[in-house]
Amino acid sequence: MEKELLQSALNDEIDSGAKAYGPEFKIRVAKIISIYGLLHPEGEHKESRRIPLSEWNNYHDYPSVGTMYQWNAKASENGFDMCVERGGNNGGRTVIVEDKFWQWHANRKKGA
């Protein structure tokens, strides 16, 4: 099921990019994904990154760190806590588990 959610989120982002930058955007993304697939065969699986919340925008342009802090403040209400790790082995920092975040984000966009 997780792959379906990720595929849906990817499709939404590609469609959004095509609206903003024109239909050529889809072709460029398809080329990038194909090249990435050659560099990272399906059998290779690496563990999801754990990104300190305050450094999120060093890795991703969207969403902003401010938005992430707002979601984190109400994590138990909005389900954001499924993708957050606090304290413990993180040196007391709040970190975002990248794969879980994108899964949560895709569900949120669908209203789940």
C-alpha atoms as a PDB file:
ATOM      1  CA  MET A   1       0.000   0.000   0.000  1.00  0.00           C
ATOM      2  CA  GLU A   2       2.888   2.374   0.746  1.00  0.00           C
ATOM      3  CA  LYS A   3       4.052   2.259  -2.889  1.00  0.00           C
ATOM      4  CA  GLU A   4       0.586   3.299  -4.060  1.00  0.00           C
ATOM      5  CA  LEU A   5       0.635   6.312  -1.738  1.00  0.00           C
ATOM      6  CA  LEU A   6       4.084   7.337  -2.894  1.00  0.00           C
ATOM      7  CA  GLN A   7       3.084   6.914  -6.542  1.00  0.00           C
ATOM      8  CA  SER A   8       0.012   9.050  -5.972  1.00  0.00           C
ATOM      9  CA  ALA A   9       2.067  11.782  -4.289  1.00  0.00           C
ATOM     10  CA  LEU A  10       4.590  11.651  -7.131  1.00  0.00           C
ATOM     11  CA  ASN A  11       1.827  11.942  -9.739  1.00  0.00           C
ATOM     12  CA  ASP A  12       0.326  14.928  -7.924  1.00  0.00           C
ATOM     13  CA  GLU A  13       3.696  16.699  -7.844  1.00  0.00           C
ATOM     14  CA  ILE A  14       4.389  15.972 -11.520  1.00  0.00           C
ATOM     15  CA  ASP A  15       0.948  17.258 -12.532  1.00  0.00           C
ATOM     16  CA  SER A  16       1.508  20.387 -10.470  1.00  0.00           C
ATOM     17  CA  GLY A  17       4.885  20.939 -12.133  1.00  0.00           C
ATOM     18  CA  ALA A  18       3.379  20.444 -15.601  1.00  0.00           C
ATOM     19  CA  LYS A  19       0.771  23.103 -14.861  1.00  0.00           C
ATOM     20  CA  ALA A  20       3.451  25.518 -13.697  1.00  0.00           C
ATOM     21  CA  TYR A  21       6.168  24.796 -16.282  1.00  0.00           C
ATOM     22  CA  GLY A  22       4.365  23.241 -19.249  1.00  0.00           C
ATOM     23  CA  PRO A  23       4.006  19.692 -20.583  1.00  0.00           C
ATOM     24  CA  GLU A  24       7.762  19.352 -21.184  1.00  0.00           C
ATOM     25  CA  PHE A  25       8.132  19.117 -17.414  1.00  0.00           C
ATOM     26  CA  LYS A  26       6.658  15.594 -17.425  1.00  0.00           C
ATOM     27  CA  ILE A  27       9.195  14.440 -20.021  1.00  0.00           C
ATOM     28  CA  ARG A  28      12.109  15.821 -18.022  1.00  0.00           C
ATOM     29  CA  VAL A  29      10.874  14.176 -14.832  1.00  0.00           C
ATOM     30  CA  ALA A  30      10.459  10.846 -16.647  1.00  0.00           C
ATOM     31  CA  LYS A  31      14.065  11.078 -17.870  1.00  0.00           C
ATOM     32  CA  ILE A  32      15.339  11.908 -14.386  1.00  0.00           C
ATOM     33  CA  ILE A  33      13.422   9.013 -12.839  1.00  0.00           C
ATOM     34  CA  SER A  34      14.763   6.631 -15.504  1.00  0.00           C
ATOM     35  CA  ILE A  35      18.357   7.691 -14.875  1.00  0.00           C
ATOM     36  CA  TYR A  36      17.845   7.456 -11.116  1.00  0.00           C
ATOM     37  CA  GLY A  37      16.485   3.925 -11.573  1.00  0.00           C
ATOM     38  CA  LEU A  38      19.637   2.929 -13.424  1.00  0.00           C
ATOM     39  CA  LEU A  39      21.802   4.342 -10.646  1.00  0.00           C
ATOM     40  CA  HIS A  40      19.764   2.735  -7.850  1.00  0.00           C
ATOM     41  CA  PRO A  41      18.445  -0.706  -8.836  1.00  0.00           C
ATOM     42  CA  GLU A  42      15.295  -1.986  -7.113  1.00  0.00           C
ATOM     43  CA  GLY A  43      17.211  -4.491  -4.989  1.00  0.00           C
ATOM     44  CA  GLU A  44      19.127  -1.788  -3.163  1.00  0.00           C
ATOM     45  CA  HIS A  45      17.255  -0.471  -0.170  1.00  0.00           C
ATOM     46  CA  LYS A  46      18.669   2.130   2.104  1.00  0.00           C
ATOM     47  CA  GLU A  47      17.222   3.199   5.395  1.00  0.00           C
ATOM     48  CA  SER A  48      15.095   6.326   5.432  1.00  0.00           C
ATOM     49  CA  ARG A  49      16.956   9.479   6.387  1.00  0.00           C
ATOM     50  CA  ARG A  50      16.307  11.095   9.722  1.00  0.00           C
ATOM     51  CA  ILE A  51      16.416  14.837   9.176  1.00  0.00           C
ATOM     52  CA  PRO A  52      16.495  17.290  12.084  1.00  0.00           C
ATOM     53  CA  LEU A  53      13.317  19.366  11.857  1.00  0.00           C
ATOM     54  CA  SER A  54      15.271  22.637  11.939  1.00  0.00           C
ATOM     55  CA  GLU A  55      17.358  21.477   8.945  1.00  0.00           C
ATOM     56  CA  TRP A  56      14.502  20.195   6.755  1.00  0.00           C
ATOM     57  CA  ASN A  57      14.939  22.921   4.135  1.00  0.00           C
ATOM     58  CA  ASN A  58      18.588  21.924   3.685  1.00  0.00           C
ATOM     59  CA  TYR A  59      17.183  18.746   2.098  1.00  0.00           C
ATOM     60  CA  HIS A  60      13.784  19.800   0.723  1.00  0.00           C
ATOM     61  CA  ASP A  61      12.340  23.088  -0.498  1.00  0.00           C
ATOM     62  CA  TYR A  62       8.844  22.097   0.572  1.00  0.00           C
ATOM     63  CA  PRO A  63       7.313  22.427   3.090  1.00  0.00           C
ATOM     64  CA  SER A  64       8.961  25.247   4.990  1.00  0.00           C
ATOM     65  CA  VAL A  65      10.505  24.644   8.396  1.00  0.00           C
ATOM     66  CA  GLY A  66       7.877  27.001   9.860  1.00  0.00           C
ATOM     67  CA  THR A  67       5.099  24.805   8.507  1.00  0.00           C
ATOM     68  CA  MET A  68       6.841  21.732   9.876  1.00  0.00           C
ATOM     69  CA  TYR A  69       7.004  23.363  13.334  1.00  0.00           C
ATOM     70  CA  GLN A  70       3.270  24.107  13.151  1.00  0.00           C
ATOM     71  CA  TRP A  71       2.464  20.508  12.234  1.00  0.00           C
ATOM     72  CA  ASN A  72       4.788  19.307  14.996  1.00  0.00           C
ATOM     73  CA  ALA A  73       3.066  21.504  17.590  1.00  0.00           C
ATOM     74  CA  LYS A  74      -0.210  19.645  16.942  1.00  0.00           C
ATOM     75  CA  ALA A  75       1.356  16.288  16.081  1.00  0.00           C
ATOM     76  CA  SER A  76      -0.936  14.198  18.257  1.00  0.00           C
ATOM     77  CA  GLU A  77      -4.006  15.829  16.678  1.00  0.00           C
ATOM     78  CA  ASN A  78      -2.996  15.751  12.999  1.00  0.00           C
ATOM     79  CA  GLY A  79      -1.089  12.446  12.921  1.00  0.00           C
ATOM     80  CA  PHE A  80       2.280  14.117  12.301  1.00  0.00           C
ATOM     81  CA  ASP A  81       3.689  12.161  15.244  1.00  0.00           C
ATOM     82  CA  MET A  82       3.854   9.074  12.970  1.00  0.00           C
ATOM     83  CA  CYS A  83       6.835  10.607  11.152  1.00  0.00           C
ATOM     84  CA  VAL A  84       8.623  12.288  14.069  1.00  0.00           C
ATOM     85  CA  GLU A  85      11.201  10.941  16.491  1.00  0.00           C
ATOM     86  CA  ARG A  86      12.026  12.954  19.592  1.00  0.00           C
ATOM     87  CA  GLY A  87      14.880  12.799  22.091  1.00  0.00           C
ATOM     88  CA  GLY A  88      16.580   9.505  22.815  1.00  0.00           C
ATOM     89  CA  ASN A  89      19.179   8.570  20.215  1.00  0.00           C
ATOM     90  CA  ASN A  90      18.683  11.893  18.441  1.00  0.00           C
ATOM     91  CA  GLY A  91      20.569  13.908  21.024  1.00  0.00           C
ATOM     92  CA  GLY A  92      17.334  15.427  22.273  1.00  0.00           C
ATOM     93  CA  ARG A  93      16.460  16.793  18.830  1.00  0.00           C
ATOM     94  CA  THR A  94      13.222  16.404  16.919  1.00  0.00           C
ATOM     95  CA  VAL A  95      13.896  14.561  13.680  1.00  0.00           C
ATOM     96  CA  ILE A  96      11.666  13.768  10.729  1.00  0.00           C
ATOM     97  CA  VAL A  97      11.752  10.233   9.299  1.00  0.00           C
ATOM     98  CA  GLU A  98      11.737  11.164   5.621  1.00  0.00           C
ATOM     99  CA  ASP A  99       9.857   8.179   4.141  1.00  0.00           C
ATOM    100  CA  LYS A 100       7.214   8.284   6.852  1.00  0.00           C
ATOM    101  CA  PHE A 101       6.786  12.021   6.357  1.00  0.00           C
ATOM    102  CA  TRP A 102       6.025  11.684   2.630  1.00  0.00           C
ATOM    103  CA  GLN A 103       3.595   8.869   3.398  1.00  0.00           C
ATOM    104  CA  TRP A 104       1.846  11.045   6.015  1.00  0.00           C
ATOM    105  CA  HIS A 105       1.813  13.991   3.609  1.00  0.00           C
ATOM    106  CA  ALA A 106       0.240  11.921   0.822  1.00  0.00           C
ATOM    107  CA  ASN A 107      -2.493  10.703   3.189  1.00  0.00           C
ATOM    108  CA  ARG A 108      -3.109  14.247   4.398  1.00  0.00           C
ATOM    109  CA  LYS A 109      -3.538  15.529   0.822  1.00  0.00           C
ATOM    110  CA  LYS A 110      -6.113  12.793   0.201  1.00  0.00           C
ATOM    111  CA  GLY A 111      -7.994  13.700   3.357  1.00  0.00           C
ATOM    112  CA  ALA A 112      -7.261  10.355   5.015  1.00  0.00           C
END
